[in-house]
């Protein structure tokens, strides 16, 4: 083998790996250049959906729990019941008070009718006694009847007048009893309505259709007013929530297309569009918002929430065929325009 051939082989051994490295670097560089110039990319993204917390409206022990995590429920499904023993007892007691007041009303109305008719009779008797008294008075002055007979007519008239006045008062009492009975009925019925509303609040229904994402309380636990009992996730409408760096917000707009992958389905590319761009950075709604008033300030790139629809997949499969779940990780590429 000549020295020329040896040198040629030596150069190949030296330059070939170098050329491979250069090509690889150029390829990687071209890939990243293409990625940067064509896309806004981030992995701070996940599948999201509406989630509704079903809360107790009153304090009570969870008597029955009808669902478990992962169950699919329709809107209006009964999820749980709080103990209603005391409320049922109060309702029965109040309904008995309604019946008692209604009985008192019937009796008062009957007494009023009797007193009213009796007053008519007493009024006739009073008028008769008055006429007899006036006639006897004239006769007594004329010496037709003795004083004893006149005094008898006078006492009869006074007795009839007193009886009539007493009957008038009894009629007024009966009217008052009717008003009191009606007021008692209305009050008791109002109390029944309040108790029935409280009884309705012991039953927790699904406000939306979806999946039981979390069951916060179990049967036998004590629920407090406003405390979440279960959380329902809407399994019919998903999107991708992205926390995009504020430096990229100026490059996006509503309707801008994007493509993305979901870790649960490697190899499948999904497509969608931006339909929401947040009006505040995510830090504004943190549990402990940043406070720069103290003077200890460290500048940190903020992130803005962006929502992207899930419209289709590259394999033409329907989105409904994928078992998407809120919280699944995603990598997003927003197409620059």
C-alpha atoms as a PDB file:
ATOM      1  CA  UNK A   1       0.000   0.000   0.000  1.00  0.00           C
ATOM      2  CA  UNK A   2       1.456   3.303  -1.048  1.00  0.00           C
ATOM      3  CA  UNK A   3       1.983   6.156   1.375  1.00  0.00           C
ATOM      4  CA  UNK A   4      -0.570   8.169  -0.593  1.00  0.00           C
ATOM      5  CA  UNK A   5      -3.297   5.622   0.094  1.00  0.00           C
ATOM      6  CA  UNK A   6      -2.325   5.487   3.713  1.00  0.00           C
ATOM      7  CA  UNK A   7      -2.614   9.258   4.006  1.00  0.00           C
ATOM      8  CA  UNK A   8      -5.983   9.189   2.269  1.00  0.00           C
ATOM      9  CA  UNK A   9      -7.335   6.593   4.697  1.00  0.00           C
ATOM     10  CA  UNK A  10      -5.923   8.513   7.598  1.00  0.00           C
ATOM     11  CA  UNK A  11      -7.700  11.660   6.441  1.00  0.00           C
ATOM     12  CA  UNK A  12     -10.950   9.749   6.056  1.00  0.00           C
ATOM     13  CA  UNK A  13     -10.647   8.439   9.589  1.00  0.00           C
ATOM     14  CA  UNK A  14     -10.058  11.959  10.857  1.00  0.00           C
ATOM     15  CA  UNK A  15     -12.493  13.979   8.779  1.00  0.00           C
ATOM     16  CA  UNK A  16     -15.412  11.552   8.517  1.00  0.00           C
ATOM     17  CA  UNK A  17     -16.347  11.691  12.239  1.00  0.00           C
ATOM     18  CA  UNK A  18     -15.808  15.445  12.117  1.00  0.00           C
ATOM     19  CA  UNK A  19     -18.113  15.721   9.120  1.00  0.00           C
ATOM     20  CA  UNK A  20     -20.704  13.593  10.870  1.00  0.00           C
ATOM     21  CA  UNK A  21     -20.516  15.838  13.920  1.00  0.00           C
ATOM     22  CA  UNK A  22     -20.811  18.958  11.762  1.00  0.00           C
ATOM     23  CA  UNK A  23     -23.810  17.550   9.898  1.00  0.00           C
ATOM     24  CA  UNK A  24     -25.436  16.530  13.175  1.00  0.00           C
ATOM     25  CA  UNK A  25     -24.843  19.966  14.685  1.00  0.00           C
ATOM     26  CA  UNK A  26     -26.195  21.658  11.581  1.00  0.00           C
ATOM     27  CA  UNK A  27     -29.204  19.341  11.590  1.00  0.00           C
ATOM     28  CA  UNK A  28     -29.927  19.987  15.229  1.00  0.00           C
ATOM     29  CA  UNK A  29     -29.368  23.687  14.709  1.00  0.00           C
ATOM     30  CA  UNK A  30     -31.710  23.706  11.717  1.00  0.00           C
ATOM     31  CA  UNK A  31     -34.299  21.811  13.732  1.00  0.00           C
ATOM     32  CA  UNK A  32     -34.173  24.282  16.608  1.00  0.00           C
ATOM     33  CA  UNK A  33     -34.084  27.235  14.207  1.00  0.00           C
ATOM     34  CA  UNK A  34     -37.160  25.894  12.437  1.00  0.00           C
ATOM     35  CA  UNK A  35     -38.873  25.202  15.748  1.00  0.00           C
ATOM     36  CA  UNK A  36     -38.129  28.704  17.043  1.00  0.00           C
ATOM     37  CA  UNK A  37     -39.042  30.573  13.861  1.00  0.00           C
ATOM     38  CA  UNK A  38     -42.239  28.619  13.171  1.00  0.00           C
ATOM     39  CA  UNK A  39     -43.586  27.869  16.631  1.00  0.00           C
ATOM     40  CA  UNK A  40     -44.007  29.220  20.127  1.00  0.00           C
ATOM     41  CA  UNK A  41     -43.350  26.098  22.158  1.00  0.00           C
ATOM     42  CA  UNK A  42     -43.958  25.266  25.819  1.00  0.00           C
ATOM     43  CA  UNK A  43     -44.530  22.204  27.954  1.00  0.00           C
ATOM     44  CA  UNK A  44     -46.265  24.206  30.703  1.00  0.00           C
ATOM     45  CA  UNK A  45     -49.629  22.950  29.506  1.00  0.00           C
ATOM     46  CA  UNK A  46     -52.247  20.411  30.484  1.00  0.00           C
ATOM     47  CA  UNK A  47     -55.696  19.135  29.574  1.00  0.00           C
ATOM     48  CA  UNK A  48     -58.373  21.127  31.369  1.00  0.00           C
ATOM     49  CA  UNK A  49     -62.145  21.041  31.854  1.00  0.00           C
ATOM     50  CA  UNK A  50     -64.851  22.743  33.864  1.00  0.00           C
ATOM     51  CA  UNK A  51     -64.994  21.460  37.423  1.00  0.00           C
ATOM     52  CA  UNK A  52     -67.909  22.116  39.751  1.00  0.00           C
ATOM     53  CA  UNK A  53     -67.720  21.672  43.513  1.00  0.00           C
ATOM     54  CA  UNK A  54     -71.026  20.455  44.955  1.00  0.00           C
ATOM     55  CA  UNK A  55     -71.199  21.967  48.435  1.00  0.00           C
ATOM     56  CA  UNK A  56     -73.424  21.455  51.446  1.00  0.00           C
ATOM     57  CA  UNK A  57     -75.824  24.330  52.135  1.00  0.00           C
ATOM     58  CA  UNK A  58     -76.262  23.384  55.766  1.00  0.00           C
ATOM     59  CA  UNK A  59     -74.494  21.504  58.537  1.00  0.00           C
ATOM     60  CA  UNK A  60     -75.304  17.824  58.791  1.00  0.00           C
ATOM     61  CA  UNK A  61     -73.943  14.304  58.848  1.00  0.00           C
ATOM     62  CA  UNK A  62     -73.611  12.571  55.489  1.00  0.00           C
ATOM     63  CA  UNK A  63     -76.262   9.883  55.834  1.00  0.00           C
ATOM     64  CA  UNK A  64     -76.059   8.422  52.321  1.00  0.00           C
ATOM     65  CA  UNK A  65     -73.429   8.681  49.586  1.00  0.00           C
ATOM     66  CA  UNK A  66     -74.612   7.386  46.234  1.00  0.00           C
ATOM     67  CA  UNK A  67     -71.486   7.935  44.105  1.00  0.00           C
ATOM     68  CA  UNK A  68     -67.807   7.134  44.115  1.00  0.00           C
ATOM     69  CA  UNK A  69     -64.857   8.639  42.289  1.00  0.00           C
ATOM     70  CA  UNK A  70     -64.908   7.825  38.583  1.00  0.00           C
ATOM     71  CA  UNK A  71     -68.689   7.451  38.352  1.00  0.00           C
ATOM     72  CA  UNK A  72     -70.375   9.125  35.394  1.00  0.00           C
ATOM     73  CA  UNK A  73     -73.417  11.152  36.402  1.00  0.00           C
ATOM     74  CA  UNK A  74     -76.078  13.091  34.555  1.00  0.00           C
ATOM     75  CA  UNK A  75     -77.322  16.523  35.520  1.00  0.00           C
ATOM     76  CA  UNK A  76     -79.887  16.167  38.316  1.00  0.00           C
ATOM     77  CA  UNK A  77     -78.507  12.878  39.658  1.00  0.00           C
ATOM     78  CA  UNK A  78     -78.868  12.513  43.439  1.00  0.00           C
ATOM     79  CA  UNK A  79     -75.313  12.375  44.794  1.00  0.00           C
ATOM     80  CA  UNK A  80     -75.667  12.363  48.574  1.00  0.00           C
ATOM     81  CA  UNK A  81     -78.079  13.004  51.427  1.00  0.00           C
ATOM     82  CA  UNK A  82     -77.478  14.649  54.785  1.00  0.00           C
ATOM     83  CA  UNK A  83     -79.199  13.426  57.940  1.00  0.00           C
ATOM     84  CA  UNK A  84     -82.755  14.816  58.027  1.00  0.00           C
ATOM     85  CA  UNK A  85     -84.107  13.143  61.192  1.00  0.00           C
ATOM     86  CA  UNK A  86     -84.471  16.372  63.183  1.00  0.00           C
ATOM     87  CA  UNK A  87     -85.955  18.244  60.238  1.00  0.00           C
ATOM     88  CA  UNK A  88     -88.544  15.527  59.597  1.00  0.00           C
ATOM     89  CA  UNK A  89     -89.550  15.626  63.276  1.00  0.00           C
ATOM     90  CA  UNK A  90     -89.844  19.417  63.150  1.00  0.00           C
ATOM     91  CA  UNK A  91     -91.892  19.204  59.970  1.00  0.00           C
ATOM     92  CA  UNK A  92     -94.295  16.699  61.527  1.00  0.00           C
ATOM     93  CA  UNK A  93     -94.632  18.902  64.603  1.00  0.00           C
ATOM     94  CA  UNK A  94     -95.260  22.019  62.517  1.00  0.00           C
ATOM     95  CA  UNK A  95     -97.772  20.244  60.280  1.00  0.00           C
ATOM     96  CA  UNK A  96     -99.610  19.184  63.455  1.00  0.00           C
ATOM     97  CA  UNK A  97     -99.628  22.853  64.481  1.00  0.00           C
ATOM     98  CA  UNK A  98    -101.168  23.712  61.103  1.00  0.00           C
ATOM     99  CA  UNK A  99    -103.917  21.143  61.635  1.00  0.00           C
ATOM    100  CA  UNK A 100    -104.504  22.430  65.165  1.00  0.00           C
ATOM    101  CA  UNK A 101    -104.787  26.008  63.908  1.00  0.00           C
ATOM    102  CA  UNK A 102    -107.147  24.905  61.140  1.00  0.00           C
ATOM    103  CA  UNK A 103    -109.355  23.174  63.723  1.00  0.00           C
ATOM    104  CA  UNK A 104    -109.322  26.333  65.843  1.00  0.00           C
ATOM    105  CA  UNK A 105    -110.316  28.336  62.760  1.00  0.00           C
ATOM    106  CA  UNK A 106    -113.264  26.048  62.045  1.00  0.00           C
ATOM    107  CA  UNK A 107    -114.412  26.330  65.652  1.00  0.00           C
ATOM    108  CA  UNK A 108    -114.009  30.119  65.653  1.00  0.00           C
ATOM    109  CA  UNK A 109    -115.937  30.419  62.391  1.00  0.00           C
ATOM    110  CA  UNK A 110    -118.723  28.226  63.784  1.00  0.00           C
ATOM    111  CA  UNK A 111    -118.837  30.298  66.970  1.00  0.00           C
ATOM    112  CA  UNK A 112    -118.923  33.483  64.916  1.00  0.00           C
ATOM    113  CA  UNK A 113    -121.842  32.209  62.819  1.00  0.00           C
ATOM    114  CA  UNK A 114    -123.741  31.179  65.953  1.00  0.00           C
ATOM    115  CA  UNK A 115    -123.063  34.523  67.681  1.00  0.00           C
ATOM    116  CA  UNK A 116    -124.105  36.422  64.578  1.00  0.00           C
ATOM    117  CA  UNK A 117    -127.464  34.625  64.354  1.00  0.00           C
ATOM    118  CA  UNK A 118    -127.955  34.882  68.107  1.00  0.00           C
ATOM    119  CA  UNK A 119    -127.271  38.617  67.920  1.00  0.00           C
ATOM    120  CA  UNK A 120    -130.100  38.987  65.426  1.00  0.00           C
ATOM    121  CA  UNK A 121    -132.505  37.269  67.838  1.00  0.00           C
ATOM    122  CA  UNK A 122    -131.273  39.338  70.772  1.00  0.00           C
ATOM    123  CA  UNK A 123    -131.673  42.497  68.732  1.00  0.00           C
ATOM    124  CA  UNK A 124    -135.341  41.638  68.138  1.00  0.00           C
ATOM    125  CA  UNK A 125    -135.771  40.896  71.854  1.00  0.00           C
ATOM    126  CA  UNK A 126    -134.073  44.174  72.740  1.00  0.00           C
ATOM    127  CA  UNK A 127    -136.357  46.121  70.453  1.00  0.00           C
ATOM    128  CA  UNK A 128    -139.407  44.382  71.930  1.00  0.00           C
ATOM    129  CA  UNK A 129    -138.225  45.087  75.490  1.00  0.00           C
ATOM    130  CA  UNK A 130    -137.572  48.696  74.568  1.00  0.00           C
ATOM    131  CA  UNK A 131    -141.038  49.087  73.082  1.00  0.00           C
ATOM    132  CA  UNK A 132    -142.603  47.506  76.184  1.00  0.00           C
ATOM    133  CA  UNK A 133    -140.570  49.789  78.405  1.00  0.00           C
ATOM    134  CA  UNK A 134    -141.507  52.947  76.487  1.00  0.00           C
ATOM    135  CA  UNK A 135    -145.172  51.964  76.487  1.00  0.00           C
ATOM    136  CA  UNK A 136    -145.081  51.085  80.198  1.00  0.00           C
ATOM    137  CA  UNK A 137    -143.370  54.377  80.935  1.00  0.00           C
ATOM    138  CA  UNK A 138    -146.225  56.280  79.340  1.00  0.00           C
ATOM    139  CA  UNK A 139    -148.796  54.122  81.091  1.00  0.00           C
ATOM    140  CA  UNK A 140    -147.049  54.557  84.442  1.00  0.00           C
ATOM    141  CA  UNK A 141    -147.088  58.331  84.061  1.00  0.00           C
ATOM    142  CA  UNK A 142    -150.786  58.153  83.210  1.00  0.00           C
ATOM    143  CA  UNK A 143    -151.473  55.974  86.224  1.00  0.00           C
ATOM    144  CA  UNK A 144    -152.568  53.042  84.104  1.00  0.00           C
ATOM    145  CA  UNK A 145    -150.037  50.574  85.582  1.00  0.00           C
ATOM    146  CA  UNK A 146    -148.531  50.436  89.048  1.00  0.00           C
ATOM    147  CA  UNK A 147    -144.879  51.284  89.781  1.00  0.00           C
ATOM    148  CA  UNK A 148    -144.005  47.641  90.408  1.00  0.00           C
ATOM    149  CA  UNK A 149    -145.066  46.648  86.903  1.00  0.00           C
ATOM    150  CA  UNK A 150    -143.164  49.602  85.430  1.00  0.00           C
ATOM    151  CA  UNK A 151    -139.993  48.652  87.292  1.00  0.00           C
ATOM    152  CA  UNK A 152    -140.373  45.088  86.027  1.00  0.00           C
ATOM    153  CA  UNK A 153    -140.521  46.380  82.411  1.00  0.00           C
ATOM    154  CA  UNK A 154    -137.526  48.621  83.070  1.00  0.00           C
ATOM    155  CA  UNK A 155    -135.415  45.747  84.441  1.00  0.00           C
ATOM    156  CA  UNK A 156    -136.422  43.538  81.516  1.00  0.00           C
ATOM    157  CA  UNK A 157    -135.267  46.232  79.078  1.00  0.00           C
ATOM    158  CA  UNK A 158    -131.959  46.721  80.924  1.00  0.00           C
ATOM    159  CA  UNK A 159    -131.366  42.952  80.981  1.00  0.00           C
ATOM    160  CA  UNK A 160    -132.092  42.654  77.241  1.00  0.00           C
ATOM    161  CA  UNK A 161    -129.719  45.562  76.536  1.00  0.00           C
ATOM    162  CA  UNK A 162    -126.942  43.999  78.636  1.00  0.00           C
ATOM    163  CA  UNK A 163    -127.438  40.623  76.954  1.00  0.00           C
ATOM    164  CA  UNK A 164    -127.268  42.259  73.514  1.00  0.00           C
ATOM    165  CA  UNK A 165    -124.054  44.122  74.374  1.00  0.00           C
ATOM    166  CA  UNK A 166    -122.482  40.928  75.719  1.00  0.00           C
ATOM    167  CA  UNK A 167    -123.417  39.137  72.494  1.00  0.00           C
ATOM    168  CA  UNK A 168    -121.768  41.927  70.481  1.00  0.00           C
ATOM    169  CA  UNK A 169    -118.561  41.455  72.464  1.00  0.00           C
ATOM    170  CA  UNK A 170    -118.742  37.688  71.935  1.00  0.00           C
ATOM    171  CA  UNK A 171    -119.074  38.305  68.191  1.00  0.00           C
ATOM    172  CA  UNK A 172    -115.975  40.531  68.295  1.00  0.00           C
ATOM    173  CA  UNK A 173    -114.114  37.851  70.258  1.00  0.00           C
ATOM    174  CA  UNK A 174    -115.058  35.267  67.626  1.00  0.00           C
ATOM    175  CA  UNK A 175    -113.769  37.617  64.897  1.00  0.00           C
ATOM    176  CA  UNK A 176    -110.476  38.002  66.782  1.00  0.00           C
ATOM    177  CA  UNK A 177    -110.228  34.230  67.176  1.00  0.00           C
ATOM    178  CA  UNK A 178    -110.717  33.816  63.427  1.00  0.00           C
ATOM    179  CA  UNK A 179    -107.924  36.318  62.718  1.00  0.00           C
ATOM    180  CA  UNK A 180    -105.640  34.642  65.267  1.00  0.00           C
ATOM    181  CA  UNK A 181    -106.337  31.193  63.826  1.00  0.00           C
ATOM    182  CA  UNK A 182    -105.627  32.403  60.277  1.00  0.00           C
ATOM    183  CA  UNK A 183    -102.402  34.058  61.439  1.00  0.00           C
ATOM    184  CA  UNK A 184    -101.382  30.850  63.236  1.00  0.00           C
ATOM    185  CA  UNK A 185    -102.095  28.842  60.076  1.00  0.00           C
ATOM    186  CA  UNK A 186    -100.010  31.208  57.928  1.00  0.00           C
ATOM    187  CA  UNK A 187     -97.156  31.181  60.437  1.00  0.00           C
ATOM    188  CA  UNK A 188     -97.168  27.393  60.718  1.00  0.00           C
ATOM    189  CA  UNK A 189     -97.357  26.983  56.931  1.00  0.00           C
ATOM    190  CA  UNK A 190     -94.426  29.382  56.537  1.00  0.00           C
ATOM    191  CA  UNK A 191     -92.455  27.307  59.026  1.00  0.00           C
ATOM    192  CA  UNK A 192     -93.342  24.174  57.082  1.00  0.00           C
ATOM    193  CA  UNK A 193     -92.065  25.886  53.918  1.00  0.00           C
ATOM    194  CA  UNK A 194     -88.788  26.796  55.616  1.00  0.00           C
ATOM    195  CA  UNK A 195     -88.356  23.258  56.916  1.00  0.00           C
ATOM    196  CA  UNK A 196     -89.165  21.780  53.495  1.00  0.00           C
ATOM    197  CA  UNK A 197     -86.538  24.057  51.942  1.00  0.00           C
ATOM    198  CA  UNK A 198     -84.052  22.805  54.540  1.00  0.00           C
ATOM    199  CA  UNK A 199     -85.068  19.234  53.738  1.00  0.00           C
ATOM    200  CA  UNK A 200     -84.405  19.937  50.058  1.00  0.00           C
ATOM    201  CA  UNK A 201     -80.965  21.214  51.049  1.00  0.00           C
ATOM    202  CA  UNK A 202     -80.158  17.854  52.634  1.00  0.00           C
ATOM    203  CA  UNK A 203     -80.181  16.342  49.138  1.00  0.00           C
ATOM    204  CA  UNK A 204     -77.235  17.147  46.886  1.00  0.00           C
ATOM    205  CA  UNK A 205     -77.814  16.876  43.136  1.00  0.00           C
ATOM    206  CA  UNK A 206     -75.386  17.049  40.217  1.00  0.00           C
ATOM    207  CA  UNK A 207     -75.545  20.547  38.657  1.00  0.00           C
ATOM    208  CA  UNK A 208     -73.858  19.312  35.461  1.00  0.00           C
ATOM    209  CA  UNK A 209     -73.248  16.053  33.653  1.00  0.00           C
ATOM    210  CA  UNK A 210     -69.756  14.665  34.088  1.00  0.00           C
ATOM    211  CA  UNK A 211     -67.489  12.420  36.129  1.00  0.00           C
ATOM    212  CA  UNK A 212     -67.022  12.377  39.898  1.00  0.00           C
ATOM    213  CA  UNK A 213     -63.459  13.688  40.013  1.00  0.00           C
ATOM    214  CA  UNK A 214     -63.133  13.829  43.796  1.00  0.00           C
ATOM    215  CA  UNK A 215     -65.208  12.728  46.761  1.00  0.00           C
ATOM    216  CA  UNK A 216     -64.226  14.928  49.692  1.00  0.00           C
ATOM    217  CA  UNK A 217     -66.514  13.407  52.342  1.00  0.00           C
ATOM    218  CA  UNK A 218     -67.623   9.876  53.111  1.00  0.00           C
ATOM    219  CA  UNK A 219     -70.781   8.475  54.634  1.00  0.00           C
ATOM    220  CA  UNK A 220     -70.827   9.419  58.302  1.00  0.00           C
ATOM    221  CA  UNK A 221     -68.663  12.533  57.929  1.00  0.00           C
ATOM    222  CA  UNK A 222     -69.982  15.874  59.169  1.00  0.00           C
ATOM    223  CA  UNK A 223     -70.530  18.454  56.437  1.00  0.00           C
ATOM    224  CA  UNK A 224     -70.273  22.167  57.136  1.00  0.00           C
ATOM    225  CA  UNK A 225     -72.128  24.897  55.205  1.00  0.00           C
ATOM    226  CA  UNK A 226     -70.179  25.686  52.047  1.00  0.00           C
ATOM    227  CA  UNK A 227     -67.937  22.625  52.376  1.00  0.00           C
ATOM    228  CA  UNK A 228     -67.351  20.656  49.175  1.00  0.00           C
ATOM    229  CA  UNK A 229     -68.794  17.164  49.268  1.00  0.00           C
ATOM    230  CA  UNK A 230     -67.887  16.062  45.725  1.00  0.00           C
ATOM    231  CA  UNK A 231     -66.293  17.681  42.678  1.00  0.00           C
ATOM    232  CA  UNK A 232     -67.653  16.928  39.213  1.00  0.00           C
ATOM    233  CA  UNK A 233     -65.490  17.291  36.116  1.00  0.00           C
ATOM    234  CA  UNK A 234     -67.187  17.960  32.791  1.00  0.00           C
ATOM    235  CA  UNK A 235     -66.122  15.053  30.575  1.00  0.00           C
ATOM    236  CA  UNK A 236     -67.802  16.398  27.430  1.00  0.00           C
ATOM    237  CA  UNK A 237     -65.743  19.527  26.825  1.00  0.00           C
ATOM    238  CA  UNK A 238     -61.959  19.589  27.170  1.00  0.00           C
ATOM    239  CA  UNK A 239     -59.345  22.136  26.203  1.00  0.00           C
ATOM    240  CA  UNK A 240     -55.653  22.775  26.761  1.00  0.00           C
ATOM    241  CA  UNK A 241     -54.656  25.363  29.350  1.00  0.00           C
ATOM    242  CA  UNK A 242     -51.238  26.846  28.625  1.00  0.00           C
ATOM    243  CA  UNK A 243     -49.195  29.131  30.860  1.00  0.00           C
ATOM    244  CA  UNK A 244     -47.314  31.134  28.278  1.00  0.00           C
ATOM    245  CA  UNK A 245     -44.394  33.420  29.067  1.00  0.00           C
ATOM    246  CA  UNK A 246     -45.389  37.079  28.968  1.00  0.00           C
ATOM    247  CA  UNK A 247     -42.677  37.759  26.374  1.00  0.00           C
ATOM    248  CA  UNK A 248     -44.636  35.674  23.852  1.00  0.00           C
ATOM    249  CA  UNK A 249     -48.088  37.109  24.498  1.00  0.00           C
ATOM    250  CA  UNK A 250     -47.601  39.857  21.915  1.00  0.00           C
ATOM    251  CA  UNK A 251     -47.243  37.203  19.208  1.00  0.00           C
ATOM    252  CA  UNK A 252     -50.570  35.449  19.759  1.00  0.00           C
ATOM    253  CA  UNK A 253     -54.227  36.248  19.147  1.00  0.00           C
ATOM    254  CA  UNK A 254     -57.638  34.595  19.243  1.00  0.00           C
ATOM    255  CA  UNK A 255     -58.101  31.991  16.528  1.00  0.00           C
ATOM    256  CA  UNK A 256     -54.377  31.378  16.076  1.00  0.00           C
ATOM    257  CA  UNK A 257     -53.767  27.692  15.220  1.00  0.00           C
ATOM    258  CA  UNK A 258     -51.729  25.373  17.383  1.00  0.00           C
ATOM    259  CA  UNK A 259     -50.707  21.753  17.461  1.00  0.00           C
ATOM    260  CA  UNK A 260     -49.849  19.729  20.484  1.00  0.00           C
ATOM    261  CA  UNK A 261     -49.189  16.307  21.903  1.00  0.00           C
ATOM    262  CA  UNK A 262     -50.588  14.739  25.042  1.00  0.00           C
ATOM    263  CA  UNK A 263     -48.280  12.523  27.070  1.00  0.00           C
ATOM    264  CA  UNK A 264     -50.965   9.863  27.433  1.00  0.00           C
ATOM    265  CA  UNK A 265     -51.072   9.418  23.634  1.00  0.00           C
ATOM    266  CA  UNK A 266     -47.488   9.553  22.332  1.00  0.00           C
ATOM    267  CA  UNK A 267     -47.206   9.748  18.576  1.00  0.00           C
ATOM    268  CA  UNK A 268     -50.586  11.438  18.147  1.00  0.00           C
ATOM    269  CA  UNK A 269     -50.650  15.106  17.206  1.00  0.00           C
ATOM    270  CA  UNK A 270     -53.715  17.145  18.023  1.00  0.00           C
ATOM    271  CA  UNK A 271     -54.791  20.428  16.490  1.00  0.00           C
ATOM    272  CA  UNK A 272     -56.735  23.375  17.852  1.00  0.00           C
ATOM    273  CA  UNK A 273     -57.020  27.150  18.070  1.00  0.00           C
ATOM    274  CA  UNK A 274     -56.539  29.780  20.744  1.00  0.00           C
ATOM    275  CA  UNK A 275     -59.925  30.850  22.097  1.00  0.00           C
ATOM    276  CA  UNK A 276     -58.930  32.627  25.310  1.00  0.00           C
ATOM    277  CA  UNK A 277     -56.043  34.831  26.386  1.00  0.00           C
ATOM    278  CA  UNK A 278     -55.975  35.763  30.064  1.00  0.00           C
ATOM    279  CA  UNK A 279     -56.333  39.381  31.155  1.00  0.00           C
ATOM    280  CA  UNK A 280     -54.062  38.846  34.188  1.00  0.00           C
ATOM    281  CA  UNK A 281     -50.928  36.877  34.838  1.00  0.00           C
ATOM    282  CA  UNK A 282     -51.277  33.651  36.790  1.00  0.00           C
ATOM    283  CA  UNK A 283     -49.449  35.102  39.796  1.00  0.00           C
ATOM    284  CA  UNK A 284     -52.277  37.572  40.420  1.00  0.00           C
ATOM    285  CA  UNK A 285     -54.494  34.700  41.537  1.00  0.00           C
ATOM    286  CA  UNK A 286     -51.895  32.811  43.542  1.00  0.00           C
ATOM    287  CA  UNK A 287     -52.685  31.946  47.154  1.00  0.00           C
ATOM    288  CA  UNK A 288     -49.957  34.381  48.171  1.00  0.00           C
ATOM    289  CA  UNK A 289     -49.788  37.113  45.488  1.00  0.00           C
ATOM    290  CA  UNK A 290     -46.399  38.787  45.038  1.00  0.00           C
ATOM    291  CA  UNK A 291     -45.890  41.901  47.146  1.00  0.00           C
ATOM    292  CA  UNK A 292     -43.167  44.155  45.813  1.00  0.00           C
ATOM    293  CA  UNK A 293     -43.963  47.036  48.159  1.00  0.00           C
ATOM    294  CA  UNK A 294     -41.357  45.802  50.662  1.00  0.00           C
ATOM    295  CA  UNK A 295     -38.516  46.686  48.299  1.00  0.00           C
ATOM    296  CA  UNK A 296     -37.222  43.112  48.050  1.00  0.00           C
ATOM    297  CA  UNK A 297     -37.921  42.714  44.356  1.00  0.00           C
ATOM    298  CA  UNK A 298     -36.663  39.970  42.073  1.00  0.00           C
ATOM    299  CA  UNK A 299     -37.863  40.184  38.509  1.00  0.00           C
ATOM    300  CA  UNK A 300     -39.402  36.937  37.310  1.00  0.00           C
ATOM    301  CA  UNK A 301     -40.895  36.318  33.897  1.00  0.00           C
ATOM    302  CA  UNK A 302     -44.629  36.087  34.424  1.00  0.00           C
ATOM    303  CA  UNK A 303     -46.904  33.594  32.737  1.00  0.00           C
ATOM    304  CA  UNK A 304     -50.287  34.284  31.174  1.00  0.00           C
ATOM    305  CA  UNK A 305     -53.040  31.643  30.977  1.00  0.00           C
ATOM    306  CA  UNK A 306     -54.075  30.772  27.428  1.00  0.00           C
ATOM    307  CA  UNK A 307     -56.731  28.266  26.397  1.00  0.00           C
ATOM    308  CA  UNK A 308     -56.579  26.203  23.214  1.00  0.00           C
ATOM    309  CA  UNK A 309     -59.408  24.120  21.810  1.00  0.00           C
ATOM    310  CA  UNK A 310     -58.989  20.423  21.014  1.00  0.00           C
ATOM    311  CA  UNK A 311     -60.454  20.188  17.516  1.00  0.00           C
ATOM    312  CA  UNK A 312     -58.995  17.101  15.833  1.00  0.00           C
ATOM    313  CA  UNK A 313     -56.181  14.553  15.726  1.00  0.00           C
ATOM    314  CA  UNK A 314     -53.810  13.823  12.852  1.00  0.00           C
ATOM    315  CA  UNK A 315     -55.094  10.255  12.503  1.00  0.00           C
ATOM    316  CA  UNK A 316     -58.634  11.537  11.803  1.00  0.00           C
ATOM    317  CA  UNK A 317     -59.923   9.904  14.960  1.00  0.00           C
ATOM    318  CA  UNK A 318     -62.722  11.666  16.768  1.00  0.00           C
ATOM    319  CA  UNK A 319     -61.675  13.462  19.927  1.00  0.00           C
ATOM    320  CA  UNK A 320     -64.412  11.588  21.795  1.00  0.00           C
ATOM    321  CA  UNK A 321     -62.517   8.340  21.134  1.00  0.00           C
ATOM    322  CA  UNK A 322     -59.646   9.496  23.328  1.00  0.00           C
ATOM    323  CA  UNK A 323     -59.970   8.995  27.058  1.00  0.00           C
ATOM    324  CA  UNK A 324     -58.939  12.500  27.996  1.00  0.00           C
ATOM    325  CA  UNK A 325     -58.684  13.524  31.628  1.00  0.00           C
ATOM    326  CA  UNK A 326     -58.241  16.915  33.208  1.00  0.00           C
ATOM    327  CA  UNK A 327     -54.641  17.344  34.326  1.00  0.00           C
ATOM    328  CA  UNK A 328     -52.958  15.310  31.574  1.00  0.00           C
ATOM    329  CA  UNK A 329     -49.633  16.842  30.524  1.00  0.00           C
ATOM    330  CA  UNK A 330     -49.231  18.359  27.087  1.00  0.00           C
ATOM    331  CA  UNK A 331     -46.585  19.987  24.890  1.00  0.00           C
ATOM    332  CA  UNK A 332     -47.863  22.898  22.817  1.00  0.00           C
ATOM    333  CA  UNK A 333     -46.632  24.470  19.607  1.00  0.00           C
ATOM    334  CA  UNK A 334     -48.449  27.662  18.666  1.00  0.00           C
ATOM    335  CA  UNK A 335     -47.917  28.392  14.995  1.00  0.00           C
ATOM    336  CA  UNK A 336     -46.366  31.805  14.489  1.00  0.00           C
ATOM    337  CA  UNK A 337     -48.200  34.080  12.059  1.00  0.00           C
END
